[in-house]
Protein backbone atom coordinates (compact mmCIF):
# COMPACT_ATOMS: atom_id res chain seq x y z
CA MET A 1 135.27 168.69 79.44
CA ALA A 2 132.63 167.08 81.62
CA ALA A 3 131.12 167.84 85.02
CA PHE A 4 131.89 165.61 87.98
CA GLU A 5 130.42 165.44 91.46
CA TYR A 6 132.89 164.74 94.21
CA LEU A 7 132.84 163.75 97.86
CA ALA A 8 136.09 164.26 99.79
CA LEU A 9 137.55 164.61 103.29
CA ASP A 10 139.76 167.43 104.51
CA ALA A 11 142.64 167.18 106.98
CA ASN A 12 140.25 167.42 109.94
CA GLY A 13 138.00 164.63 108.67
CA ARG A 14 135.17 166.95 107.57
CA THR A 15 133.34 166.08 104.38
CA SER A 16 133.42 168.33 101.38
CA LYS A 17 131.29 167.93 98.28
CA GLY A 18 130.65 169.88 95.13
CA VAL A 19 130.90 169.91 91.36
CA LEU A 20 134.00 170.39 89.20
CA THR A 21 134.63 170.24 85.48
CA GLY A 22 137.48 168.28 84.00
CA ASP A 23 138.51 165.77 81.39
CA SER A 24 138.35 162.68 83.61
CA PRO A 25 137.73 161.53 87.19
CA ARG A 26 141.49 161.06 87.57
CA GLN A 27 142.05 164.75 86.85
CA ILE A 28 139.44 165.72 89.45
CA ARG A 29 141.04 163.45 92.06
CA ALA A 30 144.46 164.94 91.35
CA TRP A 31 143.09 168.47 91.72
CA LEU A 32 141.43 167.55 95.04
CA ARG A 33 144.67 166.11 96.37
CA ASP A 34 146.48 169.31 95.38
CA GLN A 35 143.93 171.19 97.48
CA GLY A 36 144.68 169.01 100.51
CA LEU A 37 141.51 166.93 100.18
CA PHE A 38 141.21 163.14 100.14
CA PRO A 39 138.73 162.11 97.40
CA ILE A 40 136.21 159.44 98.39
CA ASN A 41 133.95 159.40 95.36
CA VAL A 42 134.07 161.13 91.97
CA GLU A 43 131.29 160.51 89.45
CA PRO A 44 130.01 162.23 86.31
CA VAL A 45 127.06 164.54 86.97
CA SER A 46 123.93 162.48 86.42
CA GLU A 47 120.55 162.15 88.07
CA THR A 48 121.22 158.43 88.48
CA SER A 49 123.68 159.35 91.22
CA ARG A 50 120.72 159.68 93.55
CA SER A 51 120.69 155.94 94.03
CA ARG A 52 124.43 155.58 94.41
CA GLY A 53 126.95 156.73 96.96
CA LEU A 54 126.86 160.46 96.20
CA ASN A 55 124.05 162.35 97.92
CA LEU A 56 123.95 165.69 96.15
CA PHE A 57 120.57 164.86 94.67
CA LYS A 58 118.76 163.83 97.83
CA ARG A 59 116.80 167.08 97.67
CA SER A 60 115.20 167.54 94.27
CA VAL A 61 115.13 170.84 92.42
CA SER A 62 111.93 172.68 93.30
CA SER A 63 109.66 174.42 90.80
CA ALA A 64 110.50 177.76 92.40
CA GLU A 65 114.24 177.20 91.84
CA LEU A 66 113.62 176.04 88.29
CA SER A 67 111.47 179.09 87.57
CA LEU A 68 114.07 181.50 88.97
CA MET A 69 116.86 179.82 87.00
CA THR A 70 114.79 180.04 83.81
CA ARG A 71 114.08 183.73 84.38
CA GLN A 72 117.77 184.51 85.01
CA LEU A 73 118.88 182.49 81.99
CA ALA A 74 116.39 184.32 79.77
CA THR A 75 117.73 187.68 80.99
CA LEU A 76 121.35 186.73 80.33
CA VAL A 77 120.61 185.29 76.88
CA ARG A 78 118.61 188.40 75.93
CA ALA A 79 121.58 190.53 76.98
CA GLY A 80 123.69 188.76 74.35
CA MET A 81 125.75 186.61 76.71
CA PRO A 82 126.87 183.28 75.19
CA LEU A 83 124.92 180.33 76.52
CA GLU A 84 127.92 178.57 78.06
CA GLN A 85 128.98 181.75 79.84
CA ALA A 86 125.42 182.43 81.04
CA LEU A 87 125.21 178.94 82.56
CA ARG A 88 128.58 179.45 84.24
CA ALA A 89 127.26 182.63 85.86
CA LEU A 90 124.09 180.86 87.00
CA GLY A 91 126.10 178.00 88.48
CA GLU A 92 128.17 180.44 90.54
CA GLN A 93 125.00 182.07 91.92
CA THR A 94 123.39 178.81 93.03
CA SER A 95 125.98 177.42 95.43
CA HIS A 96 125.17 174.60 97.87
CA SER A 97 122.12 173.53 95.89
CA PRO A 98 121.29 170.47 93.77
CA LEU A 99 120.50 172.94 91.01
CA GLN A 100 124.17 173.94 90.90
CA SER A 101 125.12 170.38 89.95
CA VAL A 102 122.48 170.30 87.25
CA ILE A 103 123.54 173.65 85.78
CA THR A 104 127.20 172.61 85.79
CA GLY A 105 126.29 169.35 84.08
CA VAL A 106 124.23 171.16 81.42
CA ARG A 107 127.10 173.60 80.80
CA ALA A 108 129.56 170.72 80.44
CA HIS A 109 127.35 169.00 77.86
CA ILE A 110 126.98 172.25 75.91
CA SER A 111 130.76 172.70 75.89
CA GLU A 112 130.94 169.21 74.34
CA GLY A 113 128.85 170.43 71.40
CA LEU A 114 125.29 169.53 72.42
CA SER A 115 122.41 171.95 72.05
CA LEU A 116 120.65 173.29 75.13
CA GLY A 117 117.65 171.02 74.53
CA GLU A 118 119.90 167.96 74.19
CA ALA A 119 121.81 168.92 77.35
CA LEU A 120 118.59 169.36 79.32
CA ALA A 121 117.45 165.91 78.15
CA ARG A 122 120.29 164.42 80.23
CA PHE A 123 118.39 165.55 83.34
CA PRO A 124 114.78 164.43 82.74
CA ALA A 125 113.81 164.49 86.44
CA THR A 126 114.74 168.18 86.73
CA PHE A 127 113.49 169.41 83.36
CA PRO A 128 110.06 168.01 82.37
CA ALA A 129 109.44 166.85 78.82
CA VAL A 130 107.38 169.93 77.94
CA TYR A 131 110.13 172.18 79.31
CA ARG A 132 112.73 170.52 77.11
CA ALA A 133 110.47 170.52 74.08
CA MET A 134 109.75 174.24 74.44
CA VAL A 135 113.46 175.02 74.75
CA GLU A 136 114.14 172.99 71.61
CA ALA A 137 111.40 174.93 69.82
CA GLY A 138 112.96 178.20 70.98
CA GLU A 139 116.36 177.15 69.66
CA ALA A 140 114.87 176.09 66.34
CA SER A 141 112.96 179.37 65.91
CA GLY A 142 115.84 181.57 67.07
CA ARG A 143 113.71 183.05 69.88
CA LEU A 144 115.21 181.21 72.83
CA ASP A 145 115.21 184.23 75.15
CA GLU A 146 111.51 184.88 74.55
CA ILE A 147 110.62 181.22 75.05
CA LEU A 148 112.62 181.10 78.29
CA ASP A 149 110.95 184.23 79.59
CA ARG A 150 107.46 182.94 78.92
CA LEU A 151 108.45 179.50 80.16
CA ALA A 152 109.44 181.12 83.47
CA ASP A 153 105.98 182.73 83.66
CA TYR A 154 104.35 179.37 82.99
CA THR A 155 106.47 177.60 85.62
CA GLU A 156 105.65 180.28 88.21
CA GLU A 157 101.91 180.04 87.50
CA GLN A 158 101.93 176.25 87.77
CA GLN A 159 103.91 176.46 91.02
CA TYR A 160 101.39 178.97 92.40
CA LEU A 161 98.48 176.66 91.58
CA ARG A 162 100.24 173.67 93.16
CA GLN A 163 101.01 175.66 96.30
CA LYS A 164 97.42 176.84 96.54
CA LEU A 165 96.15 173.29 96.20
CA SER A 166 98.67 172.00 98.76
CA VAL A 167 97.71 174.67 101.29
CA ALA A 168 94.04 173.91 100.73
CA LEU A 169 94.62 170.22 101.46
CA ILE A 170 96.74 170.66 104.59
CA TYR A 171 93.86 171.24 107.01
CA PRO A 172 91.62 168.40 105.72
CA VAL A 173 94.56 165.96 105.78
CA ILE A 174 95.55 166.94 109.33
CA LEU A 175 91.93 166.77 110.50
CA THR A 176 91.39 163.35 108.95
CA THR A 177 94.65 161.96 110.37
CA VAL A 178 93.93 163.21 113.89
CA ALA A 179 90.38 161.89 113.77
CA LEU A 180 91.52 158.44 112.62
CA VAL A 181 94.11 158.31 115.39
CA ILE A 182 91.51 159.28 118.00
CA VAL A 183 88.96 156.74 116.76
CA THR A 184 91.60 153.99 116.64
CA ALA A 185 92.73 154.82 120.18
CA LEU A 186 89.14 154.74 121.43
CA LEU A 187 88.46 151.37 119.82
CA THR A 188 91.77 149.87 120.92
CA TYR A 189 92.19 151.12 124.50
CA VAL A 190 89.13 152.94 125.85
CA VAL A 191 86.29 150.69 124.69
CA PRO A 192 87.78 147.40 126.05
CA GLU A 193 88.18 148.95 129.52
CA VAL A 194 84.57 150.10 129.53
CA VAL A 195 83.38 146.73 128.25
CA ARG A 196 84.86 144.96 131.29
CA VAL A 197 82.61 147.01 133.55
CA PHE A 198 79.53 146.14 131.51
CA GLU A 199 80.40 142.43 131.41
CA GLN A 200 80.49 142.29 135.21
CA THR A 201 76.92 143.57 135.44
CA GLY A 202 75.58 140.74 133.27
CA GLN A 203 72.99 143.04 131.70
CA GLN A 204 71.78 142.86 128.10
CA LEU A 205 73.75 145.48 126.18
CA PRO A 206 72.16 147.71 123.53
CA VAL A 207 72.67 146.86 119.87
CA LEU A 208 74.85 149.91 119.28
CA THR A 209 77.13 148.92 122.16
CA ARG A 210 77.42 145.33 120.92
CA LEU A 211 78.39 146.62 117.47
CA LEU A 212 81.01 148.84 119.03
CA ILE A 213 82.43 145.94 121.02
CA THR A 214 82.58 143.80 117.88
CA SER A 215 84.38 146.59 116.01
CA SER A 216 86.81 147.07 118.88
CA SER A 217 87.60 143.35 119.02
CA PHE A 218 88.14 143.24 115.27
CA VAL A 219 90.56 146.20 115.37
CA ARG A 220 92.52 144.74 118.29
CA ASN A 221 92.73 141.22 116.91
CA ASN A 222 93.18 141.99 113.22
CA GLY A 223 94.70 145.46 113.17
CA VAL A 224 98.09 144.25 111.95
CA TYR A 225 96.51 142.14 109.21
CA LEU A 226 94.26 145.03 108.24
CA LEU A 227 97.20 147.41 107.88
CA THR A 228 99.15 144.79 105.95
CA GLY A 229 96.21 144.22 103.63
CA VAL A 230 95.76 147.93 102.99
CA ALA A 231 99.49 148.34 102.30
CA GLY A 232 99.43 145.33 99.98
CA LEU A 233 96.44 146.65 98.06
CA GLY A 234 98.16 150.02 97.77
CA MET A 235 101.31 148.45 96.35
CA LEU A 236 99.23 146.33 93.96
CA TRP A 237 97.38 149.43 92.77
CA LEU A 238 100.65 151.29 92.20
CA TYR A 239 101.92 148.36 90.18
CA LEU A 240 98.75 148.22 88.09
CA LEU A 241 99.08 151.92 87.35
CA THR A 242 102.36 151.17 85.58
CA LEU A 243 100.34 149.26 82.97
CA PRO A 244 99.13 151.62 80.20
CA ALA A 245 95.81 149.81 79.78
CA VAL A 246 94.94 150.15 83.48
CA ARG A 247 95.99 153.81 83.57
CA PHE A 248 93.91 154.50 80.47
CA GLN A 249 90.78 152.99 82.02
CA ARG A 250 91.36 154.80 85.32
CA ASP A 251 91.83 158.13 83.53
CA MET A 252 88.74 157.48 81.45
CA ILE A 253 86.67 156.93 84.59
CA LEU A 254 88.05 160.08 86.24
CA ILE A 255 87.37 162.31 83.26
CA ARG A 256 83.73 161.12 83.11
CA LEU A 257 82.88 161.56 86.82
CA PRO A 258 80.34 164.37 87.39
CA LEU A 259 82.38 166.77 89.57
CA VAL A 260 85.90 165.39 89.33
CA GLY A 261 85.61 165.19 85.56
CA HIS A 262 84.83 168.89 85.27
CA LEU A 263 87.81 169.71 87.47
CA TYR A 264 90.03 167.62 85.22
CA GLN A 265 88.64 169.39 82.16
CA VAL A 266 89.49 172.80 83.60
CA VAL A 267 93.02 171.70 84.57
CA HIS A 268 93.77 170.26 81.14
CA ALA A 269 92.23 173.22 79.34
CA SER A 270 94.25 175.77 81.29
CA ARG A 271 97.54 173.91 80.79
CA LEU A 272 97.00 173.23 77.10
CA ALA A 273 95.83 176.77 76.34
CA ARG A 274 98.76 178.33 78.21
CA VAL A 275 101.39 176.18 76.49
CA LEU A 276 99.88 176.67 73.05
CA ALA A 277 99.73 180.43 73.61
CA ILE A 278 103.41 180.52 74.60
CA LEU A 279 104.53 178.45 71.64
CA ILE A 280 102.39 180.08 68.97
CA GLY A 281 103.32 183.52 70.27
CA SER A 282 106.98 182.54 69.94
CA GLY A 283 106.62 181.56 66.30
CA VAL A 284 106.26 177.79 66.70
CA PRO A 285 103.98 176.21 64.06
CA LEU A 286 100.62 174.94 65.30
CA LEU A 287 101.39 171.28 64.59
CA GLU A 288 104.61 171.42 66.56
CA ALA A 289 102.85 173.35 69.32
CA LEU A 290 100.18 170.64 69.57
CA ARG A 291 102.85 167.93 69.76
CA ILE A 292 104.54 169.75 72.63
CA GLY A 293 101.25 170.73 74.28
CA ALA A 294 100.14 167.10 74.43
CA GLN A 295 103.04 166.44 76.80
CA VAL A 296 101.52 168.59 79.57
CA ILE A 297 98.43 166.36 79.64
CA SER A 298 98.89 163.49 82.09
CA ASN A 299 95.43 162.01 81.48
CA LEU A 300 95.93 159.36 78.78
CA PRO A 301 92.58 159.70 76.93
CA VAL A 302 92.93 163.49 76.81
CA HIS A 303 96.57 163.16 75.75
CA GLN A 304 95.48 160.87 72.92
CA ALA A 305 92.75 163.34 71.95
CA VAL A 306 95.29 166.17 71.57
CA THR A 307 97.59 163.91 69.56
CA ASP A 308 94.70 162.98 67.27
CA ALA A 309 93.83 166.68 66.95
CA ALA A 310 97.33 167.36 65.64
CA ILE A 311 96.85 164.64 63.02
CA SER A 312 93.48 166.09 62.05
CA VAL A 313 94.93 169.62 61.69
CA ARG A 314 97.75 168.27 59.55
CA GLU A 315 95.14 166.73 57.25
CA GLY A 316 93.29 170.03 56.94
CA GLY A 317 90.80 169.83 59.81
CA ARG A 318 89.88 172.57 62.25
CA LEU A 319 91.38 172.36 65.72
CA HIS A 320 88.26 173.41 67.60
CA ASP A 321 86.08 170.90 65.70
CA THR A 322 88.41 168.02 66.57
CA LEU A 323 88.66 168.92 70.26
CA LYS A 324 84.91 169.49 70.49
CA ARG A 325 84.16 165.98 69.27
CA THR A 326 86.21 164.46 72.09
CA GLY A 327 84.04 166.02 74.82
CA TYR A 328 87.10 166.36 77.06
CA PHE A 329 87.42 170.16 76.97
CA PRO A 330 85.17 172.95 78.34
CA PRO A 331 82.95 174.82 75.85
CA LEU A 332 84.72 178.13 76.53
CA LEU A 333 88.04 176.79 75.23
CA ILE A 334 86.32 175.43 72.13
CA HIS A 335 84.64 178.80 71.43
CA MET A 336 87.90 180.68 72.01
CA LEU A 337 89.73 178.36 69.61
CA ALA A 338 87.01 178.84 66.99
CA ALA A 339 87.18 182.62 67.35
CA GLY A 340 90.97 182.57 67.16
CA GLU A 341 91.01 180.42 64.05
CA GLU A 342 88.42 182.64 62.36
CA SER A 343 90.07 185.97 63.26
CA GLY A 344 93.70 184.88 62.96
CA GLU A 345 94.33 185.87 66.60
CA LEU A 346 94.74 182.38 67.99
CA GLU A 347 97.45 183.36 70.47
CA LYS A 348 95.31 186.12 72.02
CA MET A 349 92.26 183.85 72.33
CA LEU A 350 94.36 181.10 73.91
CA GLU A 351 95.79 183.57 76.43
CA ARG A 352 92.28 184.64 77.42
CA ALA A 353 91.07 181.04 77.67
CA ALA A 354 94.08 180.08 79.82
CA THR A 355 93.56 183.04 82.16
CA HIS A 356 89.84 182.29 82.51
CA HIS A 357 90.34 178.62 83.27
CA GLU A 358 93.14 179.31 85.75
CA ARG A 359 90.85 181.67 87.63
CA GLU A 360 88.04 179.11 87.46
CA LEU A 361 90.39 176.47 88.85
CA SER A 362 91.35 178.71 91.77
CA THR A 363 87.68 179.34 92.51
CA MET A 364 86.87 175.64 92.37
CA VAL A 365 89.71 174.79 94.75
CA ALA A 366 88.58 177.46 97.20
CA ALA A 367 84.96 176.28 97.03
CA ALA A 368 85.94 172.62 97.45
CA THR A 369 88.05 173.48 100.47
CA ALA A 370 85.21 175.47 102.02
CA LEU A 371 82.90 172.45 101.61
CA ILE A 372 85.32 169.68 102.56
CA GLU A 373 86.34 171.13 105.93
CA PRO A 374 82.83 171.29 107.51
CA MET A 375 81.91 167.94 105.94
CA LEU A 376 84.95 166.30 107.52
CA ILE A 377 84.13 167.86 110.88
CA LEU A 378 80.56 166.56 110.66
CA VAL A 379 81.60 163.05 109.61
CA MET A 380 84.32 162.69 112.23
CA GLY A 381 82.12 164.26 114.88
CA GLY A 382 79.37 161.81 113.99
CA ILE A 383 81.73 158.84 114.39
CA VAL A 384 82.89 160.06 117.79
CA LEU A 385 79.25 160.70 118.78
CA VAL A 386 78.31 157.12 117.91
CA ILE A 387 81.17 155.79 120.03
CA VAL A 388 80.20 157.99 122.98
CA LEU A 389 76.53 156.98 122.71
CA ALA A 390 77.47 153.30 122.55
CA ILE A 391 79.35 153.75 125.82
CA LEU A 392 76.70 155.87 127.56
CA LEU A 393 73.61 153.82 126.65
CA PRO A 394 74.45 150.92 129.01
CA ILE A 395 75.18 153.43 131.76
CA PHE A 396 71.73 154.95 131.31
CA ASP A 397 70.20 151.44 131.50
CA MET A 398 72.12 150.75 134.71
CA ASN A 399 70.81 153.99 136.24
CA GLN A 400 67.26 153.01 135.33
CA LEU A 401 67.71 149.59 136.96
CA VAL A 402 69.08 151.20 140.12
CA GLY A 403 66.11 153.57 140.19
CA LEU A 404 63.74 150.65 140.04
């Protein structure tokens, strides 16, 4: 049996949508008609249905929902419930949610004989590559419940860090947007009205005022072209980022910047250490753990460094020596890896390194926010001050002329 999403109308013309399992779309349509519904669209559950007529996937599955589902699934599997039955129970608990469609689809694929990892691979936008790889490792090692439990912890921690970063950026983004709107309004509407008064006097305007008038004229006459050019450059940049060579060079520049580079190092170190700790603690061999851990690294040079480290370890090298030579990871992680390899407590050292770097990341985000907010206020205040001075200087000159 397979899972199908449906969209139907009842006798009163109201829409009804959901997910049903059956052998074919024809069977689903027949069942809907028996229920007094008129089927409009019936399609197999797939994330590609976002771009087609069915709209169940308009809202993506959030990290919080994914974390909760993972925690519940781990509990049910640990209790000895068969996987197909556990997914059925989860699907019944998550009604009216895109996650329900995903769970039903995963359960249908499992009932067809696929493993959980293979079923999750049918929904790559919901389940990231590292998530699927860790589930496959849990199935291979026979410790799926433990992997799911620790995977839920990891998902919750990553969601917490993302939320903290998002909250920290809200105020600077709002402040910048409001300031840009105010400055644009001043240059577009206020300055031209004031300029007409000055032009009638015939006096020589100060340099600052003439620059402001030139800027105002440029914005009014070329604003549309300017916005079009910025949008075009943005689209061009997004296209270039789809090219691996361009992405590699961009990531290389970012990782070598003085302050941004250190932030990237901490982010990559915390993610890699946490994933490796989860996998090694669940009985996954180090080489396999490194292969999976490389998938959490979005920076291409760092990703390549972790992949090369796995090759070096397979050939008999030491993990901390290989990562140290790259220069992409903080010294603390390297020392923790060395201590773990020497003492045989690699999992414990990785846990400590991950915890330390996650705390360091939170501190860095808080410090950056505390610095960015006053800097933005000063910069935007300075721009407004320049505009006000450019308007007031001719008025002061006029007062002096009247006094003479």
